[in-house]
C-alpha atoms as a PDB file:
ATOM      1  CA  MET A   1      25.480   0.637  -4.827  1.00  0.00           C
ATOM      2  CA  ALA A   2      26.736   2.243  -1.638  1.00  0.00           C
ATOM      3  CA  LYS A   3      24.272   3.567   0.931  1.00  0.00           C
ATOM      4  CA  LEU A   4      25.285   7.131   1.711  1.00  0.00           C
ATOM      5  CA  THR A   5      24.161   9.444   4.464  1.00  0.00           C
ATOM      6  CA  VAL A   6      22.585  12.797   3.751  1.00  0.00           C
ATOM      7  CA  LYS A   7      25.792  14.525   4.791  1.00  0.00           C
ATOM      8  CA  GLN A   8      27.873  12.432   2.362  1.00  0.00           C
ATOM      9  CA  ARG A   9      25.479  13.201  -0.495  1.00  0.00           C
ATOM     10  CA  ILE A  10      25.615  16.926   0.174  1.00  0.00           C
ATOM     11  CA  GLN A  11      29.428  16.807   0.351  1.00  0.00           C
ATOM     12  CA  ALA A  12      29.598  14.967  -2.983  1.00  0.00           C
ATOM     13  CA  VAL A  13      27.356  17.523  -4.667  1.00  0.00           C
ATOM     14  CA  GLU A  14      29.260  20.450  -3.185  1.00  0.00           C
ATOM     15  CA  ARG A  15      32.541  18.944  -4.402  1.00  0.00           C
ATOM     16  CA  TYR A  16      31.139  19.124  -7.935  1.00  0.00           C
ATOM     17  CA  VAL A  17      29.383  22.499  -7.588  1.00  0.00           C
ATOM     18  CA  ASN A  18      32.499  24.135  -6.153  1.00  0.00           C
ATOM     19  CA  GLY A  19      34.449  22.907  -9.191  1.00  0.00           C
ATOM     20  CA  HIS A  20      36.905  20.751  -7.255  1.00  0.00           C
ATOM     21  CA  GLU A  21      36.234  17.522  -9.151  1.00  0.00           C
ATOM     22  CA  SER A  22      34.299  16.164 -12.115  1.00  0.00           C
ATOM     23  CA  MET A  23      31.156  14.056 -11.755  1.00  0.00           C
ATOM     24  CA  ASN A  24      33.025  11.033 -13.041  1.00  0.00           C
ATOM     25  CA  GLU A  25      35.781  11.374 -10.404  1.00  0.00           C
ATOM     26  CA  ILE A  26      33.255  11.808  -7.602  1.00  0.00           C
ATOM     27  CA  ALA A  27      31.220   8.845  -8.800  1.00  0.00           C
ATOM     28  CA  LYS A  28      34.291   6.594  -8.892  1.00  0.00           C
ATOM     29  CA  ASP A  29      35.383   7.780  -5.459  1.00  0.00           C
ATOM     30  CA  ILE A  30      31.985   7.084  -3.880  1.00  0.00           C
ATOM     31  CA  GLY A  31      31.249   3.934  -5.853  1.00  0.00           C
ATOM     32  CA  LEU A  32      28.175   5.178  -7.721  1.00  0.00           C
ATOM     33  CA  THR A  33      27.337   5.943 -11.313  1.00  0.00           C
ATOM     34  CA  GLN A  34      27.773   9.368 -12.841  1.00  0.00           C
ATOM     35  CA  ARG A  35      24.014   9.430 -13.482  1.00  0.00           C
ATOM     36  CA  VAL A  36      23.241   9.345  -9.744  1.00  0.00           C
ATOM     37  CA  ILE A  37      25.613  12.232  -9.081  1.00  0.00           C
ATOM     38  CA  SER A  38      24.003  14.152 -11.947  1.00  0.00           C
ATOM     39  CA  ASP A  39      20.529  13.628 -10.450  1.00  0.00           C
ATOM     40  CA  TRP A  40      21.751  14.811  -7.056  1.00  0.00           C
ATOM     41  CA  VAL A  41      23.275  17.930  -8.608  1.00  0.00           C
ATOM     42  CA  ARG A  42      19.960  18.781 -10.311  1.00  0.00           C
ATOM     43  CA  LEU A  43      18.100  18.303  -7.030  1.00  0.00           C
ATOM     44  CA  TYR A  44      20.623  20.490  -5.244  1.00  0.00           C
ATOM     45  CA  GLN A  45      20.451  23.246  -7.870  1.00  0.00           C
ATOM     46  CA  GLU A  46      16.643  23.346  -7.728  1.00  0.00           C
ATOM     47  CA  ASN A  47      16.046  22.937  -3.999  1.00  0.00           C
ATOM     48  CA  GLY A  48      19.327  23.393  -2.146  1.00  0.00           C
ATOM     49  CA  ARG A  49      20.329  21.281   0.849  1.00  0.00           C
ATOM     50  CA  GLU A  50      16.694  20.678   1.789  1.00  0.00           C
ATOM     51  CA  ALA A  51      16.337  18.340  -1.189  1.00  0.00           C
ATOM     52  CA  PHE A  52      18.355  15.711   0.673  1.00  0.00           C
ATOM     53  CA  LEU A  53      16.698  16.161   4.062  1.00  0.00           C
ATOM     54  CA  LYS A  54      13.273  15.097   2.870  1.00  0.00           C
ATOM     55  CA  SER A  55      12.116  11.695   4.041  1.00  0.00           C
ATOM     56  CA  TYR A  56       9.415   9.411   2.636  1.00  0.00           C
ATOM     57  CA  THR A  57       6.254  11.208   1.583  1.00  0.00           C
ATOM     58  CA  ASN A  58       2.874   9.917   0.581  1.00  0.00           C
ATOM     59  CA  TYR A  59       1.718  12.018  -2.360  1.00  0.00           C
ATOM     60  CA  SER A  60      -1.960  12.670  -3.027  1.00  0.00           C
ATOM     61  CA  ALA A  61      -3.542  11.812  -6.354  1.00  0.00           C
ATOM     62  CA  GLU A  62      -4.107  15.529  -7.047  1.00  0.00           C
ATOM     63  CA  TYR A  63      -0.417  16.272  -6.506  1.00  0.00           C
ATOM     64  CA  LYS A  64       0.582  13.390  -8.776  1.00  0.00           C
ATOM     65  CA  MET A  65      -1.753  14.725 -11.481  1.00  0.00           C
ATOM     66  CA  SER A  66      -0.321  18.227 -11.169  1.00  0.00           C
ATOM     67  CA  VAL A  67       3.226  16.845 -11.550  1.00  0.00           C
ATOM     68  CA  LEU A  68       2.218  14.833 -14.631  1.00  0.00           C
ATOM     69  CA  ASN A  69       0.379  17.819 -16.130  1.00  0.00           C
ATOM     70  CA  TYR A  70       3.425  20.036 -15.595  1.00  0.00           C
ATOM     71  CA  MET A  71       5.645  17.427 -17.221  1.00  0.00           C
ATOM     72  CA  ASN A  72       3.328  17.148 -20.251  1.00  0.00           C
ATOM     73  CA  GLU A  73       2.789  20.905 -20.650  1.00  0.00           C
ATOM     74  CA  THR A  74       6.437  21.917 -20.380  1.00  0.00           C
ATOM     75  CA  GLY A  75       7.924  18.812 -22.020  1.00  0.00           C
ATOM     76  CA  THR A  76      10.461  18.329 -19.232  1.00  0.00           C
ATOM     77  CA  SER A  77      11.979  14.933 -18.543  1.00  0.00           C
ATOM     78  CA  SER A  78      11.084  12.910 -15.491  1.00  0.00           C
ATOM     79  CA  ILE A  79      14.538  13.678 -14.070  1.00  0.00           C
ATOM     80  CA  ASP A  80      14.080  17.434 -14.390  1.00  0.00           C
ATOM     81  CA  THR A  81      10.507  17.234 -13.107  1.00  0.00           C
ATOM     82  CA  ALA A  82      11.659  15.277 -10.060  1.00  0.00           C
ATOM     83  CA  ALA A  83      14.268  17.949  -9.369  1.00  0.00           C
ATOM     84  CA  ILE A  84      11.753  20.782  -9.746  1.00  0.00           C
ATOM     85  CA  PHE A  85       9.136  19.189  -7.491  1.00  0.00           C
ATOM     86  CA  ASN A  86      11.751  17.788  -5.057  1.00  0.00           C
ATOM     87  CA  ILE A  87      10.642  14.197  -5.607  1.00  0.00           C
ATOM     88  CA  SER A  88      13.240  11.701  -4.486  1.00  0.00           C
ATOM     89  CA  SER A  89      13.173   9.482  -7.565  1.00  0.00           C
ATOM     90  CA  PRO A  90      12.464  10.206 -11.233  1.00  0.00           C
ATOM     91  CA  GLY A  91      11.402   6.571 -11.539  1.00  0.00           C
ATOM     92  CA  MET A  92       8.487   7.354  -9.262  1.00  0.00           C
ATOM     93  CA  ILE A  93       7.191   9.908 -11.757  1.00  0.00           C
ATOM     94  CA  ARG A  94       7.586   7.413 -14.607  1.00  0.00           C
ATOM     95  CA  ASN A  95       5.565   4.882 -12.569  1.00  0.00           C
ATOM     96  CA  TRP A  96       2.830   7.469 -11.995  1.00  0.00           C
ATOM     97  CA  LYS A  97       2.725   8.189 -15.716  1.00  0.00           C
ATOM     98  CA  LYS A  98       2.481   4.498 -16.587  1.00  0.00           C
ATOM     99  CA  LYS A  99      -0.273   3.945 -13.999  1.00  0.00           C
ATOM    100  CA  TYR A 100      -2.192   6.952 -15.291  1.00  0.00           C
ATOM    101  CA  GLU A 101      -1.961   5.771 -18.903  1.00  0.00           C
ATOM    102  CA  ILE A 102      -3.241   2.310 -17.961  1.00  0.00           C
ATOM    103  CA  GLY A 103      -5.819   3.021 -15.261  1.00  0.00           C
ATOM    104  CA  GLY A 104      -6.582   6.724 -15.405  1.00  0.00           C
ATOM    105  CA  TYR A 105      -6.907   9.013 -12.386  1.00  0.00           C
ATOM    106  CA  ASP A 106      -8.131   6.237 -10.072  1.00  0.00           C
ATOM    107  CA  ALA A 107      -4.849   4.367 -10.516  1.00  0.00           C
ATOM    108  CA  LEU A 108      -3.007   7.316  -8.910  1.00  0.00           C
ATOM    109  CA  VAL A 109      -4.993   7.091  -5.675  1.00  0.00           C
ATOM    110  CA  SER A 110      -2.859   5.547  -2.944  1.00  0.00           C
ATOM    111  CA  LYS A 111      -4.169   2.308  -1.583  1.00  0.00           C
ATOM    112  CA  LYS A 112      -3.947   1.311   2.034  1.00  0.00           C
ATOM    113  CA  LYS A 113      -1.172  -1.158   2.640  1.00  0.00           C
ATOM    114  CA  GLY A 114      -0.974  -3.986   5.112  1.00  0.00           C
ATOM    115  CA  ARG A 115      -3.620  -5.958   6.885  1.00  0.00           C
ATOM    116  CA  PRO A 116      -6.866  -4.307   7.902  1.00  0.00           C
ATOM    117  CA  SER A 117      -7.285  -3.487  11.563  1.00  0.00           C
ATOM    118  CA  MET A 118      -9.060  -5.898  13.868  1.00  0.00           C
ATOM    119  CA  LYS A 119     -11.372  -3.268  15.352  1.00  0.00           C
ATOM    120  CA  LYS A 120     -14.972  -4.333  15.420  1.00  0.00           C
ATOM    121  CA  ASP A 121     -17.615  -2.146  13.875  1.00  0.00           C
ATOM    122  CA  LEU A 122     -19.586  -0.512  16.622  1.00  0.00           C
ATOM    123  CA  THR A 123     -22.164   0.695  14.154  1.00  0.00           C
ATOM    124  CA  LYS A 124     -23.700  -2.722  13.603  1.00  0.00           C
ATOM    125  CA  THR A 125     -27.446  -2.561  13.801  1.00  0.00           C
ATOM    126  CA  THR A 126     -29.091  -4.909  16.234  1.00  0.00           C
ATOM    127  CA  LYS A 127     -32.450  -6.436  15.557  1.00  0.00           C
ATOM    128  CA  PRO A 128     -35.185  -5.116  17.783  1.00  0.00           C
ATOM    129  CA  VAL A 129     -36.288  -7.701  20.332  1.00  0.00           C
ATOM    130  CA  PRO A 130     -39.936  -8.602  19.731  1.00  0.00           C
ATOM    131  CA  ALA A 131     -42.327  -8.156  22.624  1.00  0.00           C
ATOM    132  CA  GLU A 132     -42.977 -11.279  24.707  1.00  0.00           C
ATOM    133  CA  GLY A 133     -46.039 -13.195  23.520  1.00  0.00           C
ATOM    134  CA  SER A 134     -46.174 -11.418  20.163  1.00  0.00           C
ATOM    135  CA  VAL A 135     -46.507 -13.332  16.902  1.00  0.00           C
ATOM    136  CA  GLU A 136     -42.944 -12.470  15.842  1.00  0.00           C
ATOM    137  CA  GLU A 137     -41.515 -13.691  19.136  1.00  0.00           C
ATOM    138  CA  LEU A 138     -43.437 -16.946  18.936  1.00  0.00           C
ATOM    139  CA  GLU A 139     -42.354 -17.510  15.316  1.00  0.00           C
ATOM    140  CA  ALA A 140     -38.725 -16.882  16.281  1.00  0.00           C
ATOM    141  CA  ARG A 141     -39.046 -19.376  19.148  1.00  0.00           C
ATOM    142  CA  ILE A 142     -40.567 -21.993  16.807  1.00  0.00           C
ATOM    143  CA  LYS A 143     -37.744 -21.486  14.295  1.00  0.00           C
ATOM    144  CA  GLN A 144     -35.154 -21.880  17.084  1.00  0.00           C
ATOM    145  CA  LEU A 145     -36.760 -25.134  18.294  1.00  0.00           C
ATOM    146  CA  GLU A 146     -36.974 -26.499  14.746  1.00  0.00           C
ATOM    147  CA  MET A 147     -33.252 -25.861  14.228  1.00  0.00           C
ATOM    148  CA  GLU A 148     -32.411 -27.582  17.512  1.00  0.00           C
ATOM    149  CA  ASN A 149     -34.587 -30.542  16.554  1.00  0.00           C
ATOM    150  CA  ALA A 150     -32.946 -30.873  13.129  1.00  0.00           C
ATOM    151  CA  TYR A 151     -29.488 -30.703  14.710  1.00  0.00           C
ATOM    152  CA  LEU A 152     -30.301 -33.431  17.214  1.00  0.00           C
ATOM    153  CA  LYS A 153     -31.741 -35.684  14.482  1.00  0.00           C
ATOM    154  CA  LYS A 154     -28.536 -35.364  12.424  1.00  0.00           C
ATOM    155  CA  LEU A 155     -26.401 -36.002  15.468  1.00  0.00           C
ATOM    156  CA  ASN A 156     -28.428 -39.112  16.294  1.00  0.00           C
ATOM    157  CA  ALA A 157     -28.088 -40.383  12.711  1.00  0.00           C
ATOM    158  CA  LEU A 158     -24.302 -39.898  12.838  1.00  0.00           C
ATOM    159  CA  VAL A 159     -24.034 -41.754  16.133  1.00  0.00           C
ATOM    160  CA  GLN A 160     -26.086 -44.674  14.767  1.00  0.00           C
ATOM    161  CA  MET A 161     -23.937 -44.757  11.603  1.00  0.00           C
ATOM    162  CA  GLN A 162     -20.776 -44.875  13.670  1.00  0.00           C
ATOM    163  CA  GLU A 163     -22.163 -47.713  15.827  1.00  0.00           C
ATOM    164  CA  LYS A 164     -22.997 -49.715  12.683  1.00  0.00           C
ATOM    165  CA  LEU A 165     -19.481 -49.248  11.368  1.00  0.00           C
ATOM    166  CA  GLN A 166     -17.990 -50.402  14.653  1.00  0.00           C
ATOM    167  CA  THR A 167     -20.129 -53.568  14.775  1.00  0.00           C
ATOM    168  CA  LYS A 168     -19.203 -54.404  11.163  1.00  0.00           C
ATOM    169  CA  SER A 169     -15.516 -54.015  11.901  1.00  0.00           C
ATOM    170  CA  LYS A 170     -15.819 -56.252  15.001  1.00  0.00           C
ATOM    171  CA  ARG A 171     -17.429 -59.096  12.977  1.00  0.00           C
ATOM    172  CA  LYS A 172     -14.492 -59.324  10.588  1.00  0.00           C
END
């Protein structure tokens, strides 16, 4: 499928609207299907030239629900609904409908994409420093010394184990 500029799309639609050529002729000339030209014509008839100038938009869950409700109440197709609401793709509306049927309203809420930022939380609570000589401070100091002692004992055991392995390998 050919990638066309906004100007080329508008020209193709105006060729059809002005009655110069049929959709089939325009589609063959551009290298697209007649269906695409038909969708563009609907968009143009509903919203004018502005329908093609719109860039990517992030739709809210409320807006998605209102589009789906309109589609259900009026019985319009996803193609017509996309033209009425100036949504770039009717497939997007069908995806919203499928998501809603499977997961309900929560499935329509947009999720953040990409990796989370590396900013650190500045709201982290810090533990209050106990007063010097208090029971809490002394208990914290004892716990710290016990951890250091346990670490040194394990390190010593690993060193002794490694020395034993080296002497065994030397004997062979």
